[in-house]
Protein backbone atom coordinates (compact mmCIF):
# COMPACT_ATOMS: atom_id res chain seq x y z
CA UNK A 1 -3.96 -35.21 -117.49
CA UNK A 2 -2.06 -32.01 -116.73
CA UNK A 3 -4.71 -30.69 -114.31
CA UNK A 4 -4.67 -33.87 -112.26
CA UNK A 5 -0.87 -33.73 -112.07
CA UNK A 6 -1.05 -30.14 -110.84
CA UNK A 7 -3.61 -31.09 -108.19
CA UNK A 8 -1.38 -33.94 -106.99
CA UNK A 9 1.68 -31.65 -106.81
CA UNK A 10 -0.21 -28.96 -104.86
CA UNK A 11 -1.70 -31.52 -102.47
CA UNK A 12 1.72 -33.07 -101.91
CA UNK A 13 3.28 -29.63 -101.28
CA UNK A 14 0.62 -28.77 -98.69
CA UNK A 15 1.38 -31.92 -96.71
CA UNK A 16 5.16 -31.53 -96.99
CA UNK A 17 5.23 -27.79 -96.18
CA UNK A 18 2.28 -27.16 -93.81
CA UNK A 19 3.81 -23.93 -92.47
CA UNK A 20 3.28 -22.36 -95.88
CA UNK A 21 -0.47 -22.78 -95.57
CA UNK A 22 -2.01 -19.71 -94.00
CA UNK A 23 -5.45 -19.11 -92.60
CA UNK A 24 -7.36 -16.83 -90.33
CA UNK A 25 -9.88 -17.19 -87.57
CA UNK A 26 -11.74 -15.03 -85.08
CA UNK A 27 -11.01 -15.13 -81.35
CA UNK A 28 -13.76 -14.28 -78.87
CA UNK A 29 -13.52 -12.94 -75.33
CA UNK A 30 -16.50 -14.23 -73.34
CA UNK A 31 -17.67 -13.45 -69.80
CA UNK A 32 -19.42 -16.25 -67.91
CA UNK A 33 -21.31 -15.17 -64.79
CA UNK A 34 -22.88 -17.38 -62.17
CA UNK A 35 -26.07 -15.49 -61.26
CA UNK A 36 -26.52 -17.28 -57.92
CA UNK A 37 -23.01 -16.60 -56.56
CA UNK A 38 -21.98 -13.55 -58.61
CA UNK A 39 -18.70 -15.24 -59.64
CA UNK A 40 -17.42 -14.19 -63.06
CA UNK A 41 -14.78 -15.74 -65.28
CA UNK A 42 -13.38 -14.62 -68.62
CA UNK A 43 -12.73 -17.12 -71.41
CA UNK A 44 -10.88 -16.58 -74.71
CA UNK A 45 -12.07 -19.05 -77.33
CA UNK A 46 -12.53 -19.59 -81.04
CA UNK A 47 -16.18 -20.31 -80.26
CA UNK A 48 -18.64 -17.42 -79.98
CA UNK A 49 -21.18 -16.98 -77.19
CA UNK A 50 -23.76 -19.09 -79.07
CA UNK A 51 -21.41 -21.99 -79.91
CA UNK A 52 -19.49 -22.17 -76.62
CA UNK A 53 -22.28 -23.72 -74.47
CA UNK A 54 -22.68 -26.50 -77.05
CA UNK A 55 -19.10 -27.66 -76.50
CA UNK A 56 -18.64 -26.66 -72.86
CA UNK A 57 -21.96 -26.96 -71.01
CA UNK A 58 -22.74 -24.22 -68.51
CA UNK A 59 -24.46 -24.65 -65.18
CA UNK A 60 -28.14 -23.71 -65.07
CA UNK A 61 -27.28 -20.58 -63.05
CA UNK A 62 -24.60 -19.37 -65.50
CA UNK A 63 -25.06 -16.86 -68.29
CA UNK A 64 -22.59 -16.08 -71.07
CA UNK A 65 -21.87 -12.68 -72.62
CA UNK A 66 -19.90 -11.63 -75.67
CA UNK A 67 -17.24 -9.09 -74.64
CA UNK A 68 -14.91 -8.62 -77.63
CA UNK A 69 -13.48 -10.31 -80.71
CA UNK A 70 -10.45 -9.95 -82.96
CA UNK A 71 -8.88 -11.62 -85.98
CA UNK A 72 -5.97 -14.02 -85.74
CA UNK A 73 -3.89 -14.82 -88.82
CA UNK A 74 -1.65 -17.71 -89.71
CA UNK A 75 -1.37 -21.44 -89.27
CA UNK A 76 -3.52 -22.70 -86.40
CA UNK A 77 -2.75 -26.41 -86.64
CA UNK A 78 -1.34 -28.65 -83.93
CA UNK A 79 -3.23 -26.91 -81.10
CA UNK A 80 -1.33 -23.65 -81.25
CA UNK A 81 -2.53 -21.09 -78.68
CA UNK A 82 -5.04 -18.40 -79.63
CA UNK A 83 -3.34 -15.16 -80.62
CA UNK A 84 -3.35 -12.38 -78.01
CA UNK A 85 -5.83 -9.53 -78.14
CA UNK A 86 -4.40 -6.48 -79.96
CA UNK A 87 -3.46 -3.61 -77.67
CA UNK A 88 -5.27 -1.03 -79.79
CA UNK A 89 -8.61 -1.11 -81.48
CA UNK A 90 -8.49 -1.31 -85.26
CA UNK A 91 -11.87 0.39 -85.53
CA UNK A 92 -11.73 4.16 -86.07
CA UNK A 93 -12.91 6.05 -83.02
CA UNK A 94 -15.21 9.08 -83.32
CA UNK A 95 -13.67 12.41 -82.39
CA UNK A 96 -14.05 13.29 -78.73
CA UNK A 97 -14.44 17.01 -79.36
CA UNK A 98 -16.42 18.92 -81.95
CA UNK A 99 -14.53 21.67 -83.70
CA UNK A 100 -16.31 24.96 -84.04
CA UNK A 101 -16.99 26.00 -87.61
CA UNK A 102 -15.17 29.12 -88.71
CA UNK A 103 -17.32 32.28 -88.83
CA UNK A 104 -15.93 33.59 -92.13
CA UNK A 105 -18.64 34.58 -94.60
């Protein structure tokens, strides 16, 4: 009895306060190239390069490439726009120079 009441209260709260419900999703930057004309367009989508052609058919002469992806956080309901690409990479970058080891014995 108490568990079902708790479930009802939580369900009711989710519908009354939808902004409190958080989520996350991945955004993909895709490059679509027309091989016959050389025209290229960039698309930002929540669909990856394998899913995108299933929802948005490409022409026979078009190829799709994965360019980049990033995480978006928060409520994505009611057709909110995809979050912008972060300005900096969150992945650690390897050092660009190698430091010489000290020659002390």
